[in-house]
Structures are given as C-alpha cells and as structure tokens.
C-alpha cells in the first residue's frame, strides 16, 4: 500500500495486488464502512473500473431479489422503482 489520493472530493489509497490476486482493504476504510472480518463484499465491473462495496442482496426497500436495477449505487427492484415514480 502506498499513497493516498483524492479524486472528486473522495479519498482513496493505491494498493498492490499480491501474487495470489489479493488486495488488502486498509483498516481505516474498513472501520469507516463498518466492514467486519469474513464479511462478504461485492465487486462490480463498471466502465471506470471495479467498485467494491459491502454485499447487500436484493432491493434496499423490500429485499426482493428479482428484476433489480442499480440507482446511485443502490439496488432497487422495478416494483419499488415504479412505486417511487408514481409518488412524484
């Protein structure tokens, strides 16, 4: 691990992938996001790179695991998305 970088107002750290393909998540980041040992994380391929976040299966509102979409880094099912759009 080396330097800290700031991009778009967000802090980050440059890490190295070891010979087994592992990356160590810095302790400050783990503490900031309440990440515990052996807690599952989700890796998402995006145009800009790879996003890592705590794993939260299903819709954030109803926990449905079908017909999901991502809105502002949150997983939402199409039914909840439809209900929200009808409220506007």
PDB file of N, CA and C in Angstrom:
ATOM      1  N   UNK A   1       0.843  -1.164   0.000  1.00  0.00           N
ATOM      2  CA  UNK A   1       0.000   0.000   0.000  1.00  0.00           C
ATOM      3  C   UNK A   1       0.892   1.232   0.000  1.00  0.00           C
ATOM      4  N   UNK A   2       0.431   2.255  -0.692  1.00  0.00           N
ATOM      5  CA  UNK A   2       1.263   3.449  -0.704  1.00  0.00           C
ATOM      6  C   UNK A   2       0.437   4.692  -0.471  1.00  0.00           C
ATOM      7  N   UNK A   3       0.497   5.599  -1.379  1.00  0.00           N
ATOM      8  CA  UNK A   3      -0.023   6.934  -1.184  1.00  0.00           C
ATOM      9  C   UNK A   3      -1.545   7.027  -1.160  1.00  0.00           C
ATOM     10  N   UNK A   4      -2.008   8.120  -0.547  1.00  0.00           N
ATOM     11  CA  UNK A   4      -3.427   8.431  -0.522  1.00  0.00           C
ATOM     12  C   UNK A   4      -3.709   9.381  -1.669  1.00  0.00           C
ATOM     13  N   UNK A   5      -4.810   9.153  -2.379  1.00  0.00           N
ATOM     14  CA  UNK A   5      -5.189  10.005  -3.499  1.00  0.00           C
ATOM     15  C   UNK A   5      -6.546  10.626  -3.216  1.00  0.00           C
ATOM     16  N   UNK A   6      -6.779  11.788  -3.783  1.00  0.00           N
ATOM     17  CA  UNK A   6      -8.073  12.443  -3.657  1.00  0.00           C
ATOM     18  C   UNK A   6      -8.578  12.733  -5.057  1.00  0.00           C
ATOM     19  N   UNK A   7      -9.785  12.239  -5.364  1.00  0.00           N
ATOM     20  CA  UNK A   7     -10.374  12.456  -6.677  1.00  0.00           C
ATOM     21  C   UNK A   7     -11.844  12.786  -6.481  1.00  0.00           C
ATOM     22  N   UNK A   8     -12.298  13.867  -7.065  1.00  0.00           N
ATOM     23  CA  UNK A   8     -13.693  14.292  -6.946  1.00  0.00           C
ATOM     24  C   UNK A   8     -14.129  14.400  -5.490  1.00  0.00           C
ATOM     25  N   UNK A   9     -13.227  14.850  -4.627  1.00  0.00           N
ATOM     26  CA  UNK A   9     -13.561  15.022  -3.223  1.00  0.00           C
ATOM     27  C   UNK A   9     -13.582  13.737  -2.418  1.00  0.00           C
ATOM     28  N   UNK A  10     -13.235  12.606  -3.022  1.00  0.00           N
ATOM     29  CA  UNK A  10     -13.249  11.322  -2.322  1.00  0.00           C
ATOM     30  C   UNK A  10     -11.824  10.858  -2.088  1.00  0.00           C
ATOM     31  N   UNK A  11     -11.589  10.295  -0.912  1.00  0.00           N
ATOM     32  CA  UNK A  11     -10.259   9.799  -0.580  1.00  0.00           C
ATOM     33  C   UNK A  11     -10.109   8.366  -1.057  1.00  0.00           C
ATOM     34  N   UNK A  12      -8.926   8.028  -1.457  1.00  0.00           N
ATOM     35  CA  UNK A  12      -8.635   6.676  -1.888  1.00  0.00           C
ATOM     36  C   UNK A  12      -7.197   6.336  -1.565  1.00  0.00           C
ATOM     37  N   UNK A  13      -6.856   5.089  -1.737  1.00  0.00           N
ATOM     38  CA  UNK A  13      -5.499   4.658  -1.461  1.00  0.00           C
ATOM     39  C   UNK A  13      -5.049   3.724  -2.566  1.00  0.00           C
ATOM     40  N   UNK A  14      -3.806   3.854  -2.979  1.00  0.00           N
ATOM     41  CA  UNK A  14      -3.255   2.983  -4.005  1.00  0.00           C
ATOM     42  C   UNK A  14      -2.785   1.710  -3.316  1.00  0.00           C
ATOM     43  N   UNK A  15      -3.298   0.565  -3.757  1.00  0.00           N
ATOM     44  CA  UNK A  15      -2.941  -0.733  -3.185  1.00  0.00           C
ATOM     45  C   UNK A  15      -2.319  -1.593  -4.272  1.00  0.00           C
ATOM     46  N   UNK A  16      -1.621  -2.629  -3.861  1.00  0.00           N
ATOM     47  CA  UNK A  16      -0.975  -3.546  -4.790  1.00  0.00           C
ATOM     48  C   UNK A  16      -1.652  -4.907  -4.723  1.00  0.00           C
ATOM     49  N   UNK A  17      -1.859  -5.524  -5.869  1.00  0.00           N
ATOM     50  CA  UNK A  17      -2.404  -6.876  -5.925  1.00  0.00           C
ATOM     51  C   UNK A  17      -1.237  -7.834  -5.685  1.00  0.00           C
ATOM     52  N   UNK A  18      -1.384  -8.745  -4.703  1.00  0.00           N
ATOM     53  CA  UNK A  18      -0.279  -9.665  -4.413  1.00  0.00           C
ATOM     54  C   UNK A  18      -0.252 -10.825  -5.406  1.00  0.00           C
ATOM     55  N   UNK A  19       0.693 -11.728  -5.233  1.00  0.00           N
ATOM     56  CA  UNK A  19       0.890 -12.826  -6.190  1.00  0.00           C
ATOM     57  C   UNK A  19      -0.293 -13.784  -6.253  1.00  0.00           C
ATOM     58  N   UNK A  20      -1.159 -13.763  -5.235  1.00  0.00           N
ATOM     59  CA  UNK A  20      -2.354 -14.613  -5.234  1.00  0.00           C
ATOM     60  C   UNK A  20      -3.597 -13.860  -5.709  1.00  0.00           C
ATOM     61  N   UNK A  21      -3.434 -12.591  -6.131  1.00  0.00           N
ATOM     62  CA  UNK A  21      -4.554 -11.801  -6.635  1.00  0.00           C
ATOM     63  C   UNK A  21      -5.337 -11.091  -5.548  1.00  0.00           C
ATOM     64  N   UNK A  22      -4.770 -10.977  -4.353  1.00  0.00           N
ATOM     65  CA  UNK A  22      -5.473 -10.358  -3.227  1.00  0.00           C
ATOM     66  C   UNK A  22      -5.112  -8.887  -3.085  1.00  0.00           C
ATOM     67  N   UNK A  23      -6.069  -8.140  -2.532  1.00  0.00           N
ATOM     68  CA  UNK A  23      -5.863  -6.733  -2.196  1.00  0.00           C
ATOM     69  C   UNK A  23      -6.250  -6.574  -0.736  1.00  0.00           C
ATOM     70  N   UNK A  24      -5.424  -5.881   0.031  1.00  0.00           N
ATOM     71  CA  UNK A  24      -5.741  -5.608   1.428  1.00  0.00           C
ATOM     72  C   UNK A  24      -6.530  -4.304   1.491  1.00  0.00           C
ATOM     73  N   UNK A  25      -7.705  -4.348   2.126  1.00  0.00           N
ATOM     74  CA  UNK A  25      -8.502  -3.134   2.328  1.00  0.00           C
ATOM     75  C   UNK A  25      -7.943  -2.453   3.580  1.00  0.00           C
ATOM     76  N   UNK A  26      -7.478  -1.206   3.459  1.00  0.00           N
ATOM     77  CA  UNK A  26      -6.885  -0.514   4.606  1.00  0.00           C
ATOM     78  C   UNK A  26      -7.833  -0.457   5.805  1.00  0.00           C
ATOM     79  N   UNK A  27      -7.268  -0.573   7.009  1.00  0.00           N
ATOM     80  CA  UNK A  27      -8.077  -0.633   8.231  1.00  0.00           C
ATOM     81  C   UNK A  27      -8.961   0.599   8.405  1.00  0.00           C
ATOM     82  N   UNK A  28      -8.473   1.782   8.041  1.00  0.00           N
ATOM     83  CA  UNK A  28      -9.292   2.991   8.177  1.00  0.00           C
ATOM     84  C   UNK A  28     -10.543   2.897   7.310  1.00  0.00           C
ATOM     85  N   UNK A  29     -10.396   2.369   6.096  1.00  0.00           N
ATOM     86  CA  UNK A  29     -11.555   2.198   5.217  1.00  0.00           C
ATOM     87  C   UNK A  29     -12.516   1.156   5.788  1.00  0.00           C
ATOM     88  N   UNK A  30     -11.974   0.049   6.312  1.00  0.00           N
ATOM     89  CA  UNK A  30     -12.836  -0.984   6.901  1.00  0.00           C
ATOM     90  C   UNK A  30     -13.608  -0.424   8.083  1.00  0.00           C
ATOM     91  N   UNK A  31     -12.949   0.363   8.915  1.00  0.00           N
ATOM     92  CA  UNK A  31     -13.613   0.964  10.080  1.00  0.00           C
ATOM     93  C   UNK A  31     -14.664   1.979   9.640  1.00  0.00           C
ATOM     94  N   UNK A  32     -14.322   2.798   8.653  1.00  0.00           N
ATOM     95  CA  UNK A  32     -15.246   3.827   8.164  1.00  0.00           C
ATOM     96  C   UNK A  32     -16.543   3.217   7.649  1.00  0.00           C
ATOM     97  N   UNK A  33     -16.443   2.072   6.969  1.00  0.00           N
ATOM     98  CA  UNK A  33     -17.618   1.431   6.376  1.00  0.00           C
ATOM     99  C   UNK A  33     -18.122   0.242   7.184  1.00  0.00           C
ATOM    100  N   UNK A  34     -17.677   0.139   8.453  1.00  0.00           N
ATOM    101  CA  UNK A  34     -18.124  -0.936   9.355  1.00  0.00           C
ATOM    102  C   UNK A  34     -18.003  -2.312   8.716  1.00  0.00           C
ATOM    103  N   UNK A  35     -16.872  -2.581   8.118  1.00  0.00           N
ATOM    104  CA  UNK A  35     -16.635  -3.879   7.481  1.00  0.00           C
ATOM    105  C   UNK A  35     -15.933  -4.791   8.480  1.00  0.00           C
ATOM    106  N   UNK A  36     -16.550  -5.921   8.776  1.00  0.00           N
ATOM    107  CA  UNK A  36     -16.018  -6.878   9.739  1.00  0.00           C
ATOM    108  C   UNK A  36     -15.243  -7.980   9.029  1.00  0.00           C
ATOM    109  N   UNK A  37     -14.461  -8.738   9.788  1.00  0.00           N
ATOM    110  CA  UNK A  37     -13.744  -9.888   9.232  1.00  0.00           C
ATOM    111  C   UNK A  37     -14.745 -10.882   8.666  1.00  0.00           C
ATOM    112  N   UNK A  38     -14.400 -11.488   7.556  1.00  0.00           N
ATOM    113  CA  UNK A  38     -15.210 -12.512   6.881  1.00  0.00           C
ATOM    114  C   UNK A  38     -16.559 -12.002   6.377  1.00  0.00           C
ATOM    115  N   UNK A  39     -16.753 -10.691   6.339  1.00  0.00           N
ATOM    116  CA  UNK A  39     -17.993 -10.124   5.809  1.00  0.00           C
ATOM    117  C   UNK A  39     -17.922 -10.125   4.283  1.00  0.00           C
ATOM    118  N   UNK A  40     -18.990 -10.565   3.609  1.00  0.00           N
ATOM    119  CA  UNK A  40     -18.951 -10.591   2.145  1.00  0.00           C
ATOM    120  C   UNK A  40     -18.956  -9.183   1.549  1.00  0.00           C
ATOM    121  N   UNK A  41     -18.201  -9.033   0.473  1.00  0.00           N
ATOM    122  CA  UNK A  41     -18.198  -7.788  -0.284  1.00  0.00           C
ATOM    123  C   UNK A  41     -18.572  -8.117  -1.719  1.00  0.00           C
ATOM    124  N   UNK A  42     -19.049  -7.129  -2.412  1.00  0.00           N
ATOM    125  CA  UNK A  42     -19.495  -7.286  -3.797  1.00  0.00           C
ATOM    126  C   UNK A  42     -18.536  -6.516  -4.695  1.00  0.00           C
ATOM    127  N   UNK A  43     -18.079  -7.142  -5.763  1.00  0.00           N
ATOM    128  CA  UNK A  43     -17.233  -6.486  -6.754  1.00  0.00           C
ATOM    129  C   UNK A  43     -18.055  -6.296  -8.019  1.00  0.00           C
ATOM    130  N   UNK A  44     -18.159  -5.056  -8.483  1.00  0.00           N
ATOM    131  CA  UNK A  44     -18.986  -4.726  -9.635  1.00  0.00           C
ATOM    132  C   UNK A  44     -18.104  -4.108 -10.713  1.00  0.00           C
ATOM    133  N   UNK A  45     -18.144  -4.694 -11.906  1.00  0.00           N
ATOM    134  CA  UNK A  45     -17.376  -4.146 -13.027  1.00  0.00           C
ATOM    135  C   UNK A  45     -18.119  -2.947 -13.600  1.00  0.00           C
ATOM    136  N   UNK A  46     -17.422  -1.821 -13.703  1.00  0.00           N
ATOM    137  CA  UNK A  46     -18.000  -0.597 -14.239  1.00  0.00           C
ATOM    138  C   UNK A  46     -17.070  -0.077 -15.325  1.00  0.00           C
ATOM    139  N   UNK A  47     -17.550   0.876 -16.118  1.00  0.00           N
ATOM    140  CA  UNK A  47     -16.722   1.450 -17.179  1.00  0.00           C
ATOM    141  C   UNK A  47     -15.432   2.052 -16.625  1.00  0.00           C
ATOM    142  N   UNK A  48     -15.520   2.697 -15.458  1.00  0.00           N
ATOM    143  CA  UNK A  48     -14.376   3.394 -14.881  1.00  0.00           C
ATOM    144  C   UNK A  48     -13.431   2.465 -14.136  1.00  0.00           C
ATOM    145  N   UNK A  49     -13.856   1.258 -13.804  1.00  0.00           N
ATOM    146  CA  UNK A  49     -13.020   0.342 -13.029  1.00  0.00           C
ATOM    147  C   UNK A  49     -13.887  -0.640 -12.261  1.00  0.00           C
ATOM    148  N   UNK A  50     -13.416  -1.054 -11.105  1.00  0.00           N
ATOM    149  CA  UNK A  50     -14.128  -2.024 -10.279  1.00  0.00           C
ATOM    150  C   UNK A  50     -14.602  -1.334  -9.010  1.00  0.00           C
ATOM    151  N   UNK A  51     -15.876  -1.481  -8.690  1.00  0.00           N
ATOM    152  CA  UNK A  51     -16.461  -0.934  -7.474  1.00  0.00           C
ATOM    153  C   UNK A  51     -16.547  -2.055  -6.449  1.00  0.00           C
ATOM    154  N   UNK A  52     -16.074  -1.804  -5.236  1.00  0.00           N
ATOM    155  CA  UNK A  52     -16.208  -2.770  -4.157  1.00  0.00           C
ATOM    156  C   UNK A  52     -17.079  -2.150  -3.076  1.00  0.00           C
ATOM    157  N   UNK A  53     -18.052  -2.910  -2.589  1.00  0.00           N
ATOM    158  CA  UNK A  53     -18.910  -2.419  -1.512  1.00  0.00           C
ATOM    159  C   UNK A  53     -19.383  -3.591  -0.678  1.00  0.00           C
ATOM    160  N   UNK A  54     -19.927  -3.271   0.494  1.00  0.00           N
ATOM    161  CA  UNK A  54     -20.489  -4.317   1.341  1.00  0.00           C
ATOM    162  C   UNK A  54     -21.616  -4.995   0.567  1.00  0.00           C
ATOM    163  N   UNK A  55     -21.704  -6.297   0.705  1.00  0.00           N
ATOM    164  CA  UNK A  55     -22.718  -7.045  -0.029  1.00  0.00           C
ATOM    165  C   UNK A  55     -24.074  -6.884   0.638  1.00  0.00           C
ATOM    166  N   UNK A  56     -25.042  -6.401  -0.118  1.00  0.00           N
ATOM    167  CA  UNK A  56     -26.419  -6.250   0.346  1.00  0.00           C
ATOM    168  C   UNK A  56     -27.314  -6.891  -0.703  1.00  0.00           C
ATOM    169  N   UNK A  57     -27.732  -8.136  -0.486  1.00  0.00           N
ATOM    170  CA  UNK A  57     -28.544  -8.800  -1.505  1.00  0.00           C
ATOM    171  C   UNK A  57     -29.942  -8.193  -1.599  1.00  0.00           C
ATOM    172  N   UNK A  58     -30.442  -8.096  -2.801  1.00  0.00           N
ATOM    173  CA  UNK A  58     -31.818  -7.674  -3.015  1.00  0.00           C
ATOM    174  C   UNK A  58     -32.060  -6.179  -2.900  1.00  0.00           C
ATOM    175  N   UNK A  59     -33.304  -5.827  -3.132  1.00  0.00           N
ATOM    176  CA  UNK A  59     -33.774  -4.441  -3.099  1.00  0.00           C
ATOM    177  C   UNK A  59     -33.577  -3.841  -1.705  1.00  0.00           C
ATOM    178  N   UNK A  60     -33.100  -2.603  -1.644  1.00  0.00           N
ATOM    179  CA  UNK A  60     -32.874  -1.962  -0.350  1.00  0.00           C
ATOM    180  C   UNK A  60     -34.173  -1.668   0.388  1.00  0.00           C
ATOM    181  N   UNK A  61     -35.298  -1.667  -0.319  1.00  0.00           N
ATOM    182  CA  UNK A  61     -36.576  -1.375   0.313  1.00  0.00           C
ATOM    183  C   UNK A  61     -37.353  -2.625   0.718  1.00  0.00           C
ATOM    184  N   UNK A  62     -37.392  -3.630  -0.164  1.00  0.00           N
ATOM    185  CA  UNK A  62     -38.246  -4.797   0.099  1.00  0.00           C
ATOM    186  C   UNK A  62     -37.494  -6.130   0.092  1.00  0.00           C
ATOM    187  N   UNK A  63     -36.191  -6.101  -0.167  1.00  0.00           N
ATOM    188  CA  UNK A  63     -35.336  -7.299  -0.219  1.00  0.00           C
ATOM    189  C   UNK A  63     -35.658  -8.253  -1.361  1.00  0.00           C
ATOM    190  N   UNK A  64     -36.487  -7.843  -2.311  1.00  0.00           N
ATOM    191  CA  UNK A  64     -36.780  -8.649  -3.492  1.00  0.00           C
ATOM    192  C   UNK A  64     -35.465  -8.916  -4.231  1.00  0.00           C
ATOM    193  N   UNK A  65     -35.301 -10.126  -4.764  1.00  0.00           N
ATOM    194  CA  UNK A  65     -34.060 -10.444  -5.476  1.00  0.00           C
ATOM    195  C   UNK A  65     -34.268 -10.576  -6.986  1.00  0.00           C
ATOM    196  N   UNK A  66     -35.453 -10.211  -7.474  1.00  0.00           N
ATOM    197  CA  UNK A  66     -35.761 -10.323  -8.904  1.00  0.00           C
ATOM    198  C   UNK A  66     -35.990  -8.943  -9.511  1.00  0.00           C
ATOM    199  N   UNK A  67     -35.739  -8.807 -10.811  1.00  0.00           N
ATOM    200  CA  UNK A  67     -35.966  -7.559 -11.559  1.00  0.00           C
ATOM    201  C   UNK A  67     -35.294  -6.365 -10.884  1.00  0.00           C
ATOM    202  N   UNK A  68     -34.001  -6.487 -10.640  1.00  0.00           N
ATOM    203  CA  UNK A  68     -33.264  -5.445  -9.932  1.00  0.00           C
ATOM    204  C   UNK A  68     -32.573  -4.490 -10.891  1.00  0.00           C
ATOM    205  N   UNK A  69     -32.421  -3.262 -10.439  1.00  0.00           N
ATOM    206  CA  UNK A  69     -31.665  -2.256 -11.159  1.00  0.00           C
ATOM    207  C   UNK A  69     -30.832  -1.490 -10.138  1.00  0.00           C
ATOM    208  N   UNK A  70     -29.805  -0.802 -10.587  1.00  0.00           N
ATOM    209  CA  UNK A  70     -28.957  -0.026  -9.685  1.00  0.00           C
ATOM    210  C   UNK A  70     -29.217   1.450  -9.924  1.00  0.00           C
ATOM    211  N   UNK A  71     -29.500   2.180  -8.844  1.00  0.00           N
ATOM    212  CA  UNK A  71     -29.705   3.624  -8.912  1.00  0.00           C
ATOM    213  C   UNK A  71     -28.847   4.262  -7.831  1.00  0.00           C
ATOM    214  N   UNK A  72     -27.907   5.094  -8.233  1.00  0.00           N
ATOM    215  CA  UNK A  72     -26.994   5.771  -7.308  1.00  0.00           C
ATOM    216  C   UNK A  72     -26.382   4.799  -6.304  1.00  0.00           C
ATOM    217  N   UNK A  73     -25.831   3.729  -6.834  1.00  0.00           N
ATOM    218  CA  UNK A  73     -25.131   2.702  -6.044  1.00  0.00           C
ATOM    219  C   UNK A  73     -26.038   1.930  -5.091  1.00  0.00           C
ATOM    220  N   UNK A  74     -27.335   1.952  -5.314  1.00  0.00           N
ATOM    221  CA  UNK A  74     -28.276   1.175  -4.510  1.00  0.00           C
ATOM    222  C   UNK A  74     -29.069   0.245  -5.410  1.00  0.00           C
ATOM    223  N   UNK A  75     -29.305  -0.967  -4.920  1.00  0.00           N
ATOM    224  CA  UNK A  75     -30.076  -1.946  -5.678  1.00  0.00           C
ATOM    225  C   UNK A  75     -31.549  -1.754  -5.347  1.00  0.00           C
ATOM    226  N   UNK A  76     -32.354  -1.573  -6.393  1.00  0.00           N
ATOM    227  CA  UNK A  76     -33.791  -1.336  -6.229  1.00  0.00           C
ATOM    228  C   UNK A  76     -34.526  -2.218  -7.223  1.00  0.00           C
ATOM    229  N   UNK A  77     -35.608  -2.858  -6.768  1.00  0.00           N
ATOM    230  CA  UNK A  77     -36.392  -3.681  -7.692  1.00  0.00           C
ATOM    231  C   UNK A  77     -37.296  -2.775  -8.530  1.00  0.00           C
ATOM    232  N   UNK A  78     -37.730  -3.293  -9.653  1.00  0.00           N
ATOM    233  CA  UNK A  78     -38.552  -2.490 -10.563  1.00  0.00           C
ATOM    234  C   UNK A  78     -39.887  -2.102  -9.934  1.00  0.00           C
ATOM    235  N   UNK A  79     -40.445  -2.957  -9.063  1.00  0.00           N
ATOM    236  CA  UNK A  79     -41.713  -2.614  -8.406  1.00  0.00           C
ATOM    237  C   UNK A  79     -41.555  -1.398  -7.497  1.00  0.00           C
ATOM    238  N   UNK A  80     -40.509  -1.371  -6.687  1.00  0.00           N
ATOM    239  CA  UNK A  80     -40.284  -0.226  -5.799  1.00  0.00           C
ATOM    240  C   UNK A  80     -39.957   1.028  -6.598  1.00  0.00           C
ATOM    241  N   UNK A  81     -39.191   0.867  -7.668  1.00  0.00           N
ATOM    242  CA  UNK A  81     -38.866   1.997  -8.527  1.00  0.00           C
ATOM    243  C   UNK A  81     -40.135   2.585  -9.137  1.00  0.00           C
ATOM    244  N   UNK A  82     -41.044   1.713  -9.557  1.00  0.00           N
ATOM    245  CA  UNK A  82     -42.318   2.160 -10.128  1.00  0.00           C
ATOM    246  C   UNK A  82     -43.141   2.895  -9.074  1.00  0.00           C
ATOM    247  N   UNK A  83     -43.211   2.338  -7.861  1.00  0.00           N
ATOM    248  CA  UNK A  83     -43.961   2.989  -6.782  1.00  0.00           C
ATOM    249  C   UNK A  83     -43.397   4.371  -6.469  1.00  0.00           C
ATOM    250  N   UNK A  84     -42.065   4.486  -6.455  1.00  0.00           N
ATOM    251  CA  UNK A  84     -41.447   5.783  -6.176  1.00  0.00           C
ATOM    252  C   UNK A  84     -41.761   6.787  -7.274  1.00  0.00           C
ATOM    253  N   UNK A  85     -41.732   6.349  -8.525  1.00  0.00           N
ATOM    254  CA  UNK A  85     -42.007   7.273  -9.629  1.00  0.00           C
ATOM    255  C   UNK A  85     -43.459   7.736  -9.615  1.00  0.00           C
ATOM    256  N   UNK A  86     -44.361   6.883  -9.131  1.00  0.00           N
ATOM    257  CA  UNK A  86     -45.775   7.265  -9.042  1.00  0.00           C
ATOM    258  C   UNK A  86     -46.018   8.278  -7.934  1.00  0.00           C
ATOM    259  N   UNK A  87     -45.120   8.344  -6.953  1.00  0.00           N
ATOM    260  CA  UNK A  87     -45.259   9.298  -5.851  1.00  0.00           C
ATOM    261  C   UNK A  87     -44.916  10.717  -6.280  1.00  0.00           C
ATOM    262  N   UNK A  88     -44.175  10.845  -7.381  1.00  0.00           N
ATOM    263  CA  UNK A  88     -43.732  12.180  -7.824  1.00  0.00           C
ATOM    264  C   UNK A  88     -44.790  12.926  -8.572  1.00  0.00           C
TER     265      UNK A  88
END
